[in-house]
Amino acid sequence: MVKWQKPIPPESCQSIPEDGSLPVLPHIQARQVVRTVRRSQLREIIPLSDTTIYEMEQRGEFPRRFNLTPRCVVWDLAEVEAWVQARRNASSAGAIEIAPGPDVRSRKTRPVKSDQG
């Protein structure tokens, strides 16, 4: 059941500035909103396995998770986005070393024959 609320008198509301911008309420301005993402949402943003993310967290290379409840683990979205941007910048600058491709000549099944045969 919805309770009826008394309307707020106009004199208690802040007036809208003449420039057309919206007023800022003092109780909302004081607090900072922290957006969080759960594991399933993190997987959509970061295409890494859970094990890789966990190992990177342990080494201090990825933002740390924290518990909202005993069974709910989340990451701060701003920290994750900042990490992605830092990785993008490092990749553009050539600071991230690319892993070499596998040596296909040494595999046991379907080995690739060398051209110098």
PDB file of N, CA and C in Angstrom:
ATOM      1  N   MET A   1       0.838  -1.175   0.000  1.00  0.00           N
ATOM      2  CA  MET A   1       0.000   0.000   0.000  1.00  0.00           C
ATOM      3  C   MET A   1       0.882   1.238   0.000  1.00  0.00           C
ATOM      4  N   VAL A   2       0.571   2.196  -0.833  1.00  0.00           N
ATOM      5  CA  VAL A   2       1.349   3.417  -0.948  1.00  0.00           C
ATOM      6  C   VAL A   2       0.759   4.469  -0.035  1.00  0.00           C
ATOM      7  N   LYS A   3       1.611   5.081   0.770  1.00  0.00           N
ATOM      8  CA  LYS A   3       1.153   6.139   1.660  1.00  0.00           C
ATOM      9  C   LYS A   3       1.082   7.455   0.911  1.00  0.00           C
ATOM     10  N   TRP A   4       0.131   8.236   1.247  1.00  0.00           N
ATOM     11  CA  TRP A   4       0.012   9.563   0.663  1.00  0.00           C
ATOM     12  C   TRP A   4       1.003  10.480   1.346  1.00  0.00           C
ATOM     13  N   GLN A   5       1.758  11.225   0.546  1.00  0.00           N
ATOM     14  CA  GLN A   5       2.730  12.154   1.107  1.00  0.00           C
ATOM     15  C   GLN A   5       2.265  13.574   0.861  1.00  0.00           C
ATOM     16  N   LYS A   6       2.520  14.393   1.824  1.00  0.00           N
ATOM     17  CA  LYS A   6       2.144  15.797   1.708  1.00  0.00           C
ATOM     18  C   LYS A   6       3.041  16.461   0.673  1.00  0.00           C
ATOM     19  N   PRO A   7       2.512  17.274  -0.242  1.00  0.00           N
ATOM     20  CA  PRO A   7       3.362  17.941  -1.226  1.00  0.00           C
ATOM     21  C   PRO A   7       4.326  18.913  -0.563  1.00  0.00           C
ATOM     22  N   ILE A   8       5.493  19.052  -1.171  1.00  0.00           N
ATOM     23  CA  ILE A   8       6.527  19.950  -0.646  1.00  0.00           C
ATOM     24  C   ILE A   8       6.187  21.370  -1.074  1.00  0.00           C
ATOM     25  N   PRO A   9       6.160  22.285  -0.129  1.00  0.00           N
ATOM     26  CA  PRO A   9       5.864  23.671  -0.507  1.00  0.00           C
ATOM     27  C   PRO A   9       6.996  24.241  -1.364  1.00  0.00           C
ATOM     28  N   PRO A  10       6.674  25.063  -2.372  1.00  0.00           N
ATOM     29  CA  PRO A  10       7.690  25.573  -3.285  1.00  0.00           C
ATOM     30  C   PRO A  10       8.767  26.415  -2.618  1.00  0.00           C
ATOM     31  N   GLU A  11       8.457  27.064  -1.490  1.00  0.00           N
ATOM     32  CA  GLU A  11       9.476  27.896  -0.860  1.00  0.00           C
ATOM     33  C   GLU A  11      10.604  27.079  -0.229  1.00  0.00           C
ATOM     34  N   SER A  12      10.377  25.780   0.061  1.00  0.00           N
ATOM     35  CA  SER A  12      11.425  24.952   0.645  1.00  0.00           C
ATOM     36  C   SER A  12      12.347  24.366  -0.416  1.00  0.00           C
ATOM     37  N   CYS A  13      11.952  24.405  -1.690  1.00  0.00           N
ATOM     38  CA  CYS A  13      12.787  23.894  -2.776  1.00  0.00           C
ATOM     39  C   CYS A  13      13.758  24.976  -3.221  1.00  0.00           C
ATOM     40  N   GLN A  14      14.899  24.529  -3.742  1.00  0.00           N
ATOM     41  CA  GLN A  14      15.840  25.497  -4.288  1.00  0.00           C
ATOM     42  C   GLN A  14      15.289  26.032  -5.595  1.00  0.00           C
ATOM     43  N   SER A  15      15.544  27.279  -5.841  1.00  0.00           N
ATOM     44  CA  SER A  15      15.083  27.844  -7.108  1.00  0.00           C
ATOM     45  C   SER A  15      16.028  27.430  -8.226  1.00  0.00           C
ATOM     46  N   ILE A  16      15.496  27.320  -9.434  1.00  0.00           N
ATOM     47  CA  ILE A  16      16.296  26.937 -10.592  1.00  0.00           C
ATOM     48  C   ILE A  16      17.080  28.158 -11.053  1.00  0.00           C
ATOM     49  N   PRO A  17      18.398  28.015 -11.223  1.00  0.00           N
ATOM     50  CA  PRO A  17      19.198  29.155 -11.670  1.00  0.00           C
ATOM     51  C   PRO A  17      18.746  29.653 -13.040  1.00  0.00           C
ATOM     52  N   GLU A  18      19.031  30.920 -13.309  1.00  0.00           N
ATOM     53  CA  GLU A  18      18.599  31.538 -14.559  1.00  0.00           C
ATOM     54  C   GLU A  18      19.309  30.962 -15.779  1.00  0.00           C
ATOM     55  N   ASP A  19      20.510  30.361 -15.585  1.00  0.00           N
ATOM     56  CA  ASP A  19      21.226  29.817 -16.735  1.00  0.00           C
ATOM     57  C   ASP A  19      20.632  28.485 -17.210  1.00  0.00           C
ATOM     58  N   GLY A  20      19.632  27.959 -16.506  1.00  0.00           N
ATOM     59  CA  GLY A  20      18.962  26.749 -16.947  1.00  0.00           C
ATOM     60  C   GLY A  20      19.556  25.467 -16.405  1.00  0.00           C
ATOM     61  N   SER A  21      20.669  25.548 -15.659  1.00  0.00           N
ATOM     62  CA  SER A  21      21.266  24.338 -15.107  1.00  0.00           C
ATOM     63  C   SER A  21      20.417  23.828 -13.946  1.00  0.00           C
ATOM     64  N   LEU A  22      20.527  22.549 -13.684  1.00  0.00           N
ATOM     65  CA  LEU A  22      19.751  21.953 -12.609  1.00  0.00           C
ATOM     66  C   LEU A  22      20.375  22.269 -11.258  1.00  0.00           C
ATOM     67  N   PRO A  23      19.561  22.444 -10.241  1.00  0.00           N
ATOM     68  CA  PRO A  23      20.117  22.725  -8.913  1.00  0.00           C
ATOM     69  C   PRO A  23      20.780  21.478  -8.342  1.00  0.00           C
ATOM     70  N   VAL A  24      21.775  21.681  -7.494  1.00  0.00           N
ATOM     71  CA  VAL A  24      22.477  20.581  -6.839  1.00  0.00           C
ATOM     72  C   VAL A  24      22.022  20.542  -5.393  1.00  0.00           C
ATOM     73  N   LEU A  25      21.526  19.403  -4.988  1.00  0.00           N
ATOM     74  CA  LEU A  25      21.070  19.261  -3.614  1.00  0.00           C
ATOM     75  C   LEU A  25      22.267  19.031  -2.704  1.00  0.00           C
ATOM     76  N   PRO A  26      22.329  19.715  -1.567  1.00  0.00           N
ATOM     77  CA  PRO A  26      23.525  19.616  -0.718  1.00  0.00           C
ATOM     78  C   PRO A  26      23.781  18.221  -0.166  1.00  0.00           C
ATOM     79  N   HIS A  27      22.759  17.449   0.156  1.00  0.00           N
ATOM     80  CA  HIS A  27      22.981  16.120   0.715  1.00  0.00           C
ATOM     81  C   HIS A  27      23.472  15.135  -0.342  1.00  0.00           C
ATOM     82  N   ILE A  28      23.187  15.364  -1.602  1.00  0.00           N
ATOM     83  CA  ILE A  28      23.670  14.486  -2.663  1.00  0.00           C
ATOM     84  C   ILE A  28      25.077  14.880  -3.083  1.00  0.00           C
ATOM     85  N   GLN A  29      25.366  16.161  -3.057  1.00  0.00           N
ATOM     86  CA  GLN A  29      26.680  16.648  -3.466  1.00  0.00           C
ATOM     87  C   GLN A  29      27.776  16.162  -2.529  1.00  0.00           C
ATOM     88  N   ALA A  30      27.471  15.977  -1.253  1.00  0.00           N
ATOM     89  CA  ALA A  30      28.474  15.630  -0.263  1.00  0.00           C
ATOM     90  C   ALA A  30      28.976  14.196  -0.403  1.00  0.00           C
ATOM     91  N   ARG A  31      28.143  13.271  -0.882  1.00  0.00           N
ATOM     92  CA  ARG A  31      28.585  11.880  -0.942  1.00  0.00           C
ATOM     93  C   ARG A  31      29.011  11.495  -2.356  1.00  0.00           C
ATOM     94  N   GLN A  32      29.915  10.567  -2.424  1.00  0.00           N
ATOM     95  CA  GLN A  32      30.422  10.089  -3.701  1.00  0.00           C
ATOM     96  C   GLN A  32      29.805   8.724  -3.994  1.00  0.00           C
ATOM     97  N   VAL A  33      29.280   8.558  -5.202  1.00  0.00           N
ATOM     98  CA  VAL A  33      28.659   7.301  -5.584  1.00  0.00           C
ATOM     99  C   VAL A  33      29.738   6.377  -6.137  1.00  0.00           C
ATOM    100  N   VAL A  34      29.830   5.168  -5.583  1.00  0.00           N
ATOM    101  CA  VAL A  34      30.799   4.182  -6.037  1.00  0.00           C
ATOM    102  C   VAL A  34      30.041   3.096  -6.788  1.00  0.00           C
ATOM    103  N   ARG A  35      30.345   2.955  -8.072  1.00  0.00           N
ATOM    104  CA  ARG A  35      29.734   1.906  -8.880  1.00  0.00           C
ATOM    105  C   ARG A  35      30.592   0.659  -8.755  1.00  0.00           C
ATOM    106  N   THR A  36      29.951  -0.459  -8.564  1.00  0.00           N
ATOM    107  CA  THR A  36      30.662  -1.726  -8.440  1.00  0.00           C
ATOM    108  C   THR A  36      30.178  -2.691  -9.505  1.00  0.00           C
ATOM    109  N   VAL A  37      31.013  -3.679  -9.805  1.00  0.00           N
ATOM    110  CA  VAL A  37      30.645  -4.727 -10.756  1.00  0.00           C
ATOM    111  C   VAL A  37      30.883  -6.080 -10.109  1.00  0.00           C
ATOM    112  N   ARG A  38      29.991  -7.004 -10.404  1.00  0.00           N
ATOM    113  CA  ARG A  38      30.143  -8.363  -9.920  1.00  0.00           C
ATOM    114  C   ARG A  38      30.982  -9.153 -10.907  1.00  0.00           C
ATOM    115  N   ARG A  39      31.283 -10.386 -10.568  1.00  0.00           N
ATOM    116  CA  ARG A  39      32.176 -11.219 -11.373  1.00  0.00           C
ATOM    117  C   ARG A  39      31.670 -11.386 -12.807  1.00  0.00           C
ATOM    118  N   SER A  40      30.385 -11.628 -12.992  1.00  0.00           N
ATOM    119  CA  SER A  40      29.855 -11.820 -14.347  1.00  0.00           C
ATOM    120  C   SER A  40      30.001 -10.548 -15.185  1.00  0.00           C
ATOM    121  N   GLN A  41      29.798  -9.394 -14.578  1.00  0.00           N
ATOM    122  CA  GLN A  41      29.960  -8.127 -15.291  1.00  0.00           C
ATOM    123  C   GLN A  41      31.435  -7.854 -15.566  1.00  0.00           C
ATOM    124  N   LEU A  42      32.304  -8.232 -14.643  1.00  0.00           N
ATOM    125  CA  LEU A  42      33.743  -8.042 -14.836  1.00  0.00           C
ATOM    126  C   LEU A  42      34.233  -8.877 -16.016  1.00  0.00           C
ATOM    127  N   ARG A  43      33.700 -10.089 -16.165  1.00  0.00           N
ATOM    128  CA  ARG A  43      34.085 -10.947 -17.291  1.00  0.00           C
ATOM    129  C   ARG A  43      33.715 -10.326 -18.634  1.00  0.00           C
ATOM    130  N   GLU A  44      32.632  -9.542 -18.676  1.00  0.00           N
ATOM    131  CA  GLU A  44      32.247  -8.854 -19.902  1.00  0.00           C
ATOM    132  C   GLU A  44      33.209  -7.718 -20.229  1.00  0.00           C
ATOM    133  N   ILE A  45      33.780  -7.094 -19.205  1.00  0.00           N
ATOM    134  CA  ILE A  45      34.700  -5.968 -19.403  1.00  0.00           C
ATOM    135  C   ILE A  45      36.116  -6.469 -19.653  1.00  0.00           C
ATOM    136  N   ILE A  46      36.567  -7.432 -18.849  1.00  0.00           N
ATOM    137  CA  ILE A  46      37.929  -7.954 -18.899  1.00  0.00           C
ATOM    138  C   ILE A  46      37.881  -9.399 -19.389  1.00  0.00           C
ATOM    139  N   PRO A  47      38.384  -9.687 -20.578  1.00  0.00           N
ATOM    140  CA  PRO A  47      38.317 -11.065 -21.100  1.00  0.00           C
ATOM    141  C   PRO A  47      39.456 -11.949 -20.589  1.00  0.00           C
ATOM    142  N   LEU A  48      39.585 -12.032 -19.281  1.00  0.00           N
ATOM    143  CA  LEU A  48      40.597 -12.885 -18.655  1.00  0.00           C
ATOM    144  C   LEU A  48      39.889 -13.907 -17.776  1.00  0.00           C
ATOM    145  N   SER A  49      40.557 -15.025 -17.530  1.00  0.00           N
ATOM    146  CA  SER A  49      39.967 -16.057 -16.674  1.00  0.00           C
ATOM    147  C   SER A  49      39.993 -15.615 -15.216  1.00  0.00           C
ATOM    148  N   ASP A  50      39.181 -16.271 -14.408  1.00  0.00           N
ATOM    149  CA  ASP A  50      39.139 -15.966 -12.977  1.00  0.00           C
ATOM    150  C   ASP A  50      40.499 -16.198 -12.327  1.00  0.00           C
ATOM    151  N   THR A  51      41.181 -17.258 -12.748  1.00  0.00           N
ATOM    152  CA  THR A  51      42.493 -17.570 -12.185  1.00  0.00           C
ATOM    153  C   THR A  51      43.501 -16.475 -12.512  1.00  0.00           C
ATOM    154  N   THR A  52      43.500 -16.007 -13.755  1.00  0.00           N
ATOM    155  CA  THR A  52      44.433 -14.954 -14.148  1.00  0.00           C
ATOM    156  C   THR A  52      44.163 -13.680 -13.368  1.00  0.00           C
ATOM    157  N   ILE A  53      42.897 -13.311 -13.220  1.00  0.00           N
ATOM    158  CA  ILE A  53      42.542 -12.107 -12.460  1.00  0.00           C
ATOM    159  C   ILE A  53      42.975 -12.262 -11.013  1.00  0.00           C
ATOM    160  N   TYR A  54      42.732 -13.436 -10.417  1.00  0.00           N
ATOM    161  CA  TYR A  54      43.124 -13.678  -9.027  1.00  0.00           C
ATOM    162  C   TYR A  54      44.638 -13.557  -8.857  1.00  0.00           C
ATOM    163  N   GLU A  55      45.400 -14.166  -9.766  1.00  0.00           N
ATOM    164  CA  GLU A  55      46.864 -14.105  -9.670  1.00  0.00           C
ATOM    165  C   GLU A  55      47.369 -12.678  -9.852  1.00  0.00           C
ATOM    166  N   MET A  56      46.750 -11.923 -10.762  1.00  0.00           N
ATOM    167  CA  MET A  56      47.156 -10.536 -10.958  1.00  0.00           C
ATOM    168  C   MET A  56      46.822  -9.690  -9.727  1.00  0.00           C
ATOM    169  N   GLU A  57      45.710  -9.975  -9.067  1.00  0.00           N
ATOM    170  CA  GLU A  57      45.360  -9.276  -7.826  1.00  0.00           C
ATOM    171  C   GLU A  57      46.406  -9.556  -6.753  1.00  0.00           C
ATOM    172  N   GLN A  58      46.835 -10.810  -6.637  1.00  0.00           N
ATOM    173  CA  GLN A  58      47.823 -11.177  -5.629  1.00  0.00           C
ATOM    174  C   GLN A  58      49.160 -10.478  -5.862  1.00  0.00           C
ATOM    175  N   ARG A  59      49.514 -10.268  -7.140  1.00  0.00           N
ATOM    176  CA  ARG A  59      50.769  -9.578  -7.471  1.00  0.00           C
ATOM    177  C   ARG A  59      50.626  -8.063  -7.432  1.00  0.00           C
ATOM    178  N   GLY A  60      49.414  -7.554  -7.251  1.00  0.00           N
ATOM    179  CA  GLY A  60      49.177  -6.117  -7.217  1.00  0.00           C
ATOM    180  C   GLY A  60      49.072  -5.495  -8.598  1.00  0.00           C
ATOM    181  N   GLU A  61      48.777  -6.299  -9.626  1.00  0.00           N
ATOM    182  CA  GLU A  61      48.695  -5.809 -10.996  1.00  0.00           C
ATOM    183  C   GLU A  61      47.262  -5.555 -11.442  1.00  0.00           C
ATOM    184  N   PHE A  62      46.274  -5.815 -10.593  1.00  0.00           N
ATOM    185  CA  PHE A  62      44.868  -5.644 -10.945  1.00  0.00           C
ATOM    186  C   PHE A  62      44.151  -5.106  -9.710  1.00  0.00           C
ATOM    187  N   PRO A  63      43.089  -4.308  -9.897  1.00  0.00           N
ATOM    188  CA  PRO A  63      42.357  -3.794  -8.727  1.00  0.00           C
ATOM    189  C   PRO A  63      41.842  -4.913  -7.828  1.00  0.00           C
ATOM    190  N   ARG A  64      41.902  -4.689  -6.523  1.00  0.00           N
ATOM    191  CA  ARG A  64      41.493  -5.709  -5.557  1.00  0.00           C
ATOM    192  C   ARG A  64      39.975  -5.760  -5.433  1.00  0.00           C
ATOM    193  N   ARG A  65      39.470  -6.958  -5.269  1.00  0.00           N
ATOM    194  CA  ARG A  65      38.043  -7.156  -5.011  1.00  0.00           C
ATOM    195  C   ARG A  65      37.764  -6.894  -3.540  1.00  0.00           C
ATOM    196  N   PHE A  66      36.502  -6.679  -3.220  1.00  0.00           N
ATOM    197  CA  PHE A  66      36.119  -6.561  -1.815  1.00  0.00           C
ATOM    198  C   PHE A  66      34.730  -7.162  -1.641  1.00  0.00           C
ATOM    199  N   ASN A  67      34.415  -7.521  -0.401  1.00  0.00           N
ATOM    200  CA  ASN A  67      33.154  -8.188  -0.099  1.00  0.00           C
ATOM    201  C   ASN A  67      32.109  -7.162   0.324  1.00  0.00           C
ATOM    202  N   LEU A  68      30.951  -7.213  -0.328  1.00  0.00           N
ATOM    203  CA  LEU A  68      29.810  -6.430   0.142  1.00  0.00           C
ATOM    204  C   LEU A  68      29.089  -7.189   1.245  1.00  0.00           C
ATOM    205  N   THR A  69      28.957  -8.474   1.049  1.00  0.00           N
ATOM    206  CA  THR A  69      28.371  -9.369   2.046  1.00  0.00           C
ATOM    207  C   THR A  69      29.282 -10.591   2.108  1.00  0.00           C
ATOM    208  N   PRO A  70      29.033 -11.519   3.014  1.00  0.00           N
ATOM    209  CA  PRO A  70      29.887 -12.713   3.065  1.00  0.00           C
ATOM    210  C   PRO A  70      29.914 -13.521   1.772  1.00  0.00           C
ATOM    211  N   ARG A  71      28.874 -13.396   0.915  1.00  0.00           N
ATOM    212  CA  ARG A  71      28.830 -14.187  -0.307  1.00  0.00           C
ATOM    213  C   ARG A  71      28.841 -13.337  -1.581  1.00  0.00           C
ATOM    214  N   CYS A  72      29.038 -12.042  -1.473  1.00  0.00           N
ATOM    215  CA  CYS A  72      28.999 -11.161  -2.649  1.00  0.00           C
ATOM    216  C   CYS A  72      30.329 -10.415  -2.785  1.00  0.00           C
ATOM    217  N   VAL A  73      31.067 -10.736  -3.846  1.00  0.00           N
ATOM    218  CA  VAL A  73      32.360 -10.112  -4.125  1.00  0.00           C
ATOM    219  C   VAL A  73      32.199  -9.161  -5.298  1.00  0.00           C
ATOM    220  N   VAL A  74      32.747  -7.941  -5.168  1.00  0.00           N
ATOM    221  CA  VAL A  74      32.629  -6.936  -6.223  1.00  0.00           C
ATOM    222  C   VAL A  74      33.949  -6.216  -6.425  1.00  0.00           C
ATOM    223  N   TRP A  75      34.058  -5.532  -7.567  1.00  0.00           N
ATOM    224  CA  TRP A  75      35.201  -4.682  -7.884  1.00  0.00           C
ATOM    225  C   TRP A  75      34.680  -3.270  -8.098  1.00  0.00           C
ATOM    226  N   ASP A  76      35.493  -2.285  -7.786  1.00  0.00           N
ATOM    227  CA  ASP A  76      35.147  -0.892  -8.026  1.00  0.00           C
ATOM    228  C   ASP A  76      35.272  -0.628  -9.524  1.00  0.00           C
ATOM    229  N   LEU A  77      34.195  -0.203 -10.162  1.00  0.00           N
ATOM    230  CA  LEU A  77      34.174  -0.005 -11.606  1.00  0.00           C
ATOM    231  C   LEU A  77      35.163   1.066 -12.041  1.00  0.00           C
ATOM    232  N   ALA A  78      35.304   2.128 -11.278  1.00  0.00           N
ATOM    233  CA  ALA A  78      36.246   3.198 -11.639  1.00  0.00           C
ATOM    234  C   ALA A  78      37.683   2.680 -11.639  1.00  0.00           C
ATOM    235  N   GLU A  79      38.036   1.827 -10.677  1.00  0.00           N
ATOM    236  CA  GLU A  79      39.382   1.259 -10.636  1.00  0.00           C
ATOM    237  C   GLU A  79      39.629   0.329 -11.818  1.00  0.00           C
ATOM    238  N   VAL A  80      38.616  -0.465 -12.179  1.00  0.00           N
ATOM    239  CA  VAL A  80      38.754  -1.385 -13.315  1.00  0.00           C
ATOM    240  C   VAL A  80      38.908  -0.598 -14.608  1.00  0.00           C
ATOM    241  N   GLU A  81      38.100   0.447 -14.790  1.00  0.00           N
ATOM    242  CA  GLU A  81      38.200   1.267 -15.998  1.00  0.00           C
ATOM    243  C   GLU A  81      39.546   1.985 -16.066  1.00  0.00           C
ATOM    244  N   ALA A  82      40.056   2.454 -14.925  1.00  0.00           N
ATOM    245  CA  ALA A  82      41.373   3.094 -14.899  1.00  0.00           C
ATOM    246  C   ALA A  82      42.461   2.089 -15.256  1.00  0.00           C
ATOM    247  N   TRP A  83      42.329   0.833 -14.796  1.00  0.00           N
ATOM    248  CA  TRP A  83      43.297  -0.210 -15.129  1.00  0.00           C
ATOM    249  C   TRP A  83      43.289  -0.486 -16.631  1.00  0.00           C
ATOM    250  N   VAL A  84      42.092  -0.569 -17.226  1.00  0.00           N
ATOM    251  CA  VAL A  84      41.990  -0.811 -18.665  1.00  0.00           C
ATOM    252  C   VAL A  84      42.643   0.333 -19.434  1.00  0.00           C
ATOM    253  N   GLN A  85      42.393   1.570 -19.014  1.00  0.00           N
ATOM    254  CA  GLN A  85      42.995   2.725 -19.691  1.00  0.00           C
ATOM    255  C   GLN A  85      44.515   2.715 -19.548  1.00  0.00           C
ATOM    256  N   ALA A  86      45.017   2.344 -18.376  1.00  0.00           N
ATOM    257  CA  ALA A  86      46.473   2.272 -18.177  1.00  0.00           C
ATOM    258  C   ALA A  86      47.079   1.191 -19.066  1.00  0.00           C
ATOM    259  N   ARG A  87      46.402   0.056 -19.210  1.00  0.00           N
ATOM    260  CA  ARG A  87      46.899  -1.010 -20.084  1.00  0.00           C
ATOM    261  C   ARG A  87      46.872  -0.568 -21.548  1.00  0.00           C
ATOM    262  N   ARG A  88      45.838   0.175 -21.927  1.00  0.00           N
ATOM    263  CA  ARG A  88      45.751   0.689 -23.292  1.00  0.00           C
ATOM    264  C   ARG A  88      46.900   1.652 -23.577  1.00  0.00           C
ATOM    265  N   ASN A  89      47.183   2.539 -22.626  1.00  0.00           N
ATOM    266  CA  ASN A  89      48.285   3.494 -22.791  1.00  0.00           C
ATOM    267  C   ASN A  89      49.628   2.774 -22.857  1.00  0.00           C
ATOM    268  N   ALA A  90      49.819   1.766 -21.999  1.00  0.00           N
ATOM    269  CA  ALA A  90      51.069   1.011 -22.000  1.00  0.00           C
ATOM    270  C   ALA A  90      51.232   0.234 -23.299  1.00  0.00           C
ATOM    271  N   SER A  91      50.141  -0.280 -23.836  1.00  0.00           N
ATOM    272  CA  SER A  91      50.205  -1.016 -25.089  1.00  0.00           C
ATOM    273  C   SER A  91      50.552  -0.086 -26.249  1.00  0.00           C
ATOM    274  N   SER A  92      49.970   1.098 -26.248  1.00  0.00           N
ATOM    275  CA  SER A  92      50.262   2.077 -27.302  1.00  0.00           C
ATOM    276  C   SER A  92      51.710   2.528 -27.254  1.00  0.00           C
ATOM    277  N   ALA A  93      52.265   2.621 -26.055  1.00  0.00           N
ATOM    278  CA  ALA A  93      53.649   3.065 -25.888  1.00  0.00           C
ATOM    279  C   ALA A  93      54.650   1.940 -26.121  1.00  0.00           C
ATOM    280  N   GLY A  94      54.167   0.717 -26.302  1.00  0.00           N
ATOM    281  CA  GLY A  94      55.057  -0.423 -26.523  1.00  0.00           C
ATOM    282  C   GLY A  94      55.689  -0.949 -25.250  1.00  0.00           C
ATOM    283  N   ALA A  95      55.111  -0.619 -24.095  1.00  0.00           N
ATOM    284  CA  ALA A  95      55.673  -1.051 -22.819  1.00  0.00           C
ATOM    285  C   ALA A  95      55.281  -2.479 -22.449  1.00  0.00           C
ATOM    286  N   ILE A  96      54.275  -3.034 -23.115  1.00  0.00           N
ATOM    287  CA  ILE A  96      53.847  -4.401 -22.823  1.00  0.00           C
ATOM    288  C   ILE A  96      54.518  -5.330 -23.821  1.00  0.00           C
ATOM    289  N   GLU A  97      55.232  -6.309 -23.280  1.00  0.00           N
ATOM    290  CA  GLU A  97      55.951  -7.254 -24.125  1.00  0.00           C
ATOM    291  C   GLU A  97      54.979  -8.315 -24.636  1.00  0.00           C
ATOM    292  N   ILE A  98      54.961  -8.519 -25.932  1.00  0.00           N
ATOM    293  CA  ILE A  98      54.083  -9.506 -26.556  1.00  0.00           C
ATOM    294  C   ILE A  98      54.734 -10.885 -26.431  1.00  0.00           C
ATOM    295  N   ALA A  99      53.930 -11.868 -26.042  1.00  0.00           N
ATOM    296  CA  ALA A  99      54.443 -13.232 -25.899  1.00  0.00           C
ATOM    297  C   ALA A  99      54.743 -13.818 -27.275  1.00  0.00           C
ATOM    298  N   PRO A 100      55.829 -14.582 -27.394  1.00  0.00           N
ATOM    299  CA  PRO A 100      56.137 -15.189 -28.691  1.00  0.00           C
ATOM    300  C   PRO A 100      55.137 -16.293 -29.025  1.00  0.00           C
ATOM    301  N   GLY A 101      54.960 -16.556 -30.301  1.00  0.00           N
ATOM    302  CA  GLY A 101      54.074 -17.620 -30.737  1.00  0.00           C
ATOM    303  C   GLY A 101      54.677 -18.981 -30.421  1.00  0.00           C
ATOM    304  N   PRO A 102      53.872 -20.020 -30.419  1.00  0.00           N
ATOM    305  CA  PRO A 102      54.384 -21.354 -30.109  1.00  0.00           C
ATOM    306  C   PRO A 102      55.278 -21.868 -31.240  1.00  0.00           C
ATOM    307  N   ASP A 103      56.222 -22.724 -30.874  1.00  0.00           N
ATOM    308  CA  ASP A 103      57.096 -23.348 -31.864  1.00  0.00           C
ATOM    309  C   ASP A 103      56.348 -24.553 -32.432  1.00  0.00           C
ATOM    310  N   VAL A 104      55.769 -24.373 -33.611  1.00  0.00           N
ATOM    311  CA  VAL A 104      54.937 -25.430 -34.195  1.00  0.00           C
ATOM    312  C   VAL A 104      55.760 -26.599 -34.708  1.00  0.00           C
ATOM    313  N   ARG A 105      57.055 -26.420 -34.874  1.00  0.00           N
ATOM    314  CA  ARG A 105      57.903 -27.524 -35.359  1.00  0.00           C
ATOM    315  C   ARG A 105      58.147 -28.567 -34.278  1.00  0.00           C
ATOM    316  N   SER A 106      57.969 -28.206 -33.011  1.00  0.00           N
ATOM    317  CA  SER A 106      58.265 -29.143 -31.931  1.00  0.00           C
ATOM    318  C   SER A 106      57.041 -29.891 -31.417  1.00  0.00           C
ATOM    319  N   ARG A 107      55.865 -29.673 -31.998  1.00  0.00           N
ATOM    320  CA  ARG A 107      54.702 -30.397 -31.503  1.00  0.00           C
ATOM    321  C   ARG A 107      54.710 -31.844 -31.999  1.00  0.00           C
ATOM    322  N   LYS A 108      54.100 -32.729 -31.211  1.00  0.00           N
ATOM    323  CA  LYS A 108      54.142 -34.160 -31.502  1.00  0.00           C
ATOM    324  C   LYS A 108      53.100 -34.564 -32.534  1.00  0.00           C
ATOM    325  N   THR A 109      51.970 -33.915 -32.533  1.00  0.00           N
ATOM    326  CA  THR A 109      50.946 -34.232 -33.523  1.00  0.00           C
ATOM    327  C   THR A 109      50.946 -33.127 -34.573  1.00  0.00           C
ATOM    328  N   ARG A 110      50.884 -33.503 -35.810  1.00  0.00           N
ATOM    329  CA  ARG A 110      50.880 -32.598 -36.961  1.00  0.00           C
ATOM    330  C   ARG A 110      52.047 -31.605 -36.920  1.00  0.00           C
ATOM    331  N   PRO A 111      53.280 -32.072 -36.823  1.00  0.00           N
ATOM    332  CA  PRO A 111      54.420 -31.149 -36.824  1.00  0.00           C
ATOM    333  C   PRO A 111      54.551 -30.474 -38.184  1.00  0.00           C
ATOM    334  N   VAL A 112      55.061 -29.262 -38.174  1.00  0.00           N
ATOM    335  CA  VAL A 112      55.273 -28.522 -39.404  1.00  0.00           C
ATOM    336  C   VAL A 112      56.685 -28.814 -39.891  1.00  0.00           C
ATOM    337  N   LYS A 113      56.799 -29.248 -41.156  1.00  0.00           N
ATOM    338  CA  LYS A 113      58.114 -29.563 -41.707  1.00  0.00           C
ATOM    339  C   LYS A 113      58.835 -28.286 -42.051  1.00  0.00           C
ATOM    340  N   SER A 114      60.114 -28.294 -41.803  1.00  0.00           N
ATOM    341  CA  SER A 114      60.909 -27.097 -42.110  1.00  0.00           C
ATOM    342  C   SER A 114      61.089 -26.964 -43.615  1.00  0.00           C
ATOM    343  N   ASP A 115      61.314 -25.751 -44.075  1.00  0.00           N
ATOM    344  CA  ASP A 115      61.498 -25.479 -45.502  1.00  0.00           C
ATOM    345  C   ASP A 115      62.871 -25.931 -45.996  1.00  0.00           C
ATOM    346  N   GLN A 116      63.775 -26.202 -45.113  1.00  0.00           N
ATOM    347  CA  GLN A 116      65.151 -26.543 -45.505  1.00  0.00           C
ATOM    348  C   GLN A 116      65.333 -28.052 -45.629  1.00  0.00           C
ATOM    349  N   GLY A 117      64.400 -28.791 -45.961  1.00  0.00           N
ATOM    350  CA  GLY A 117      64.371 -30.194 -45.946  1.00  0.00           C
ATOM    351  C   GLY A 117      65.195 -31.025 -46.741  1.00  0.00           C
TER     352      GLY A 117
END
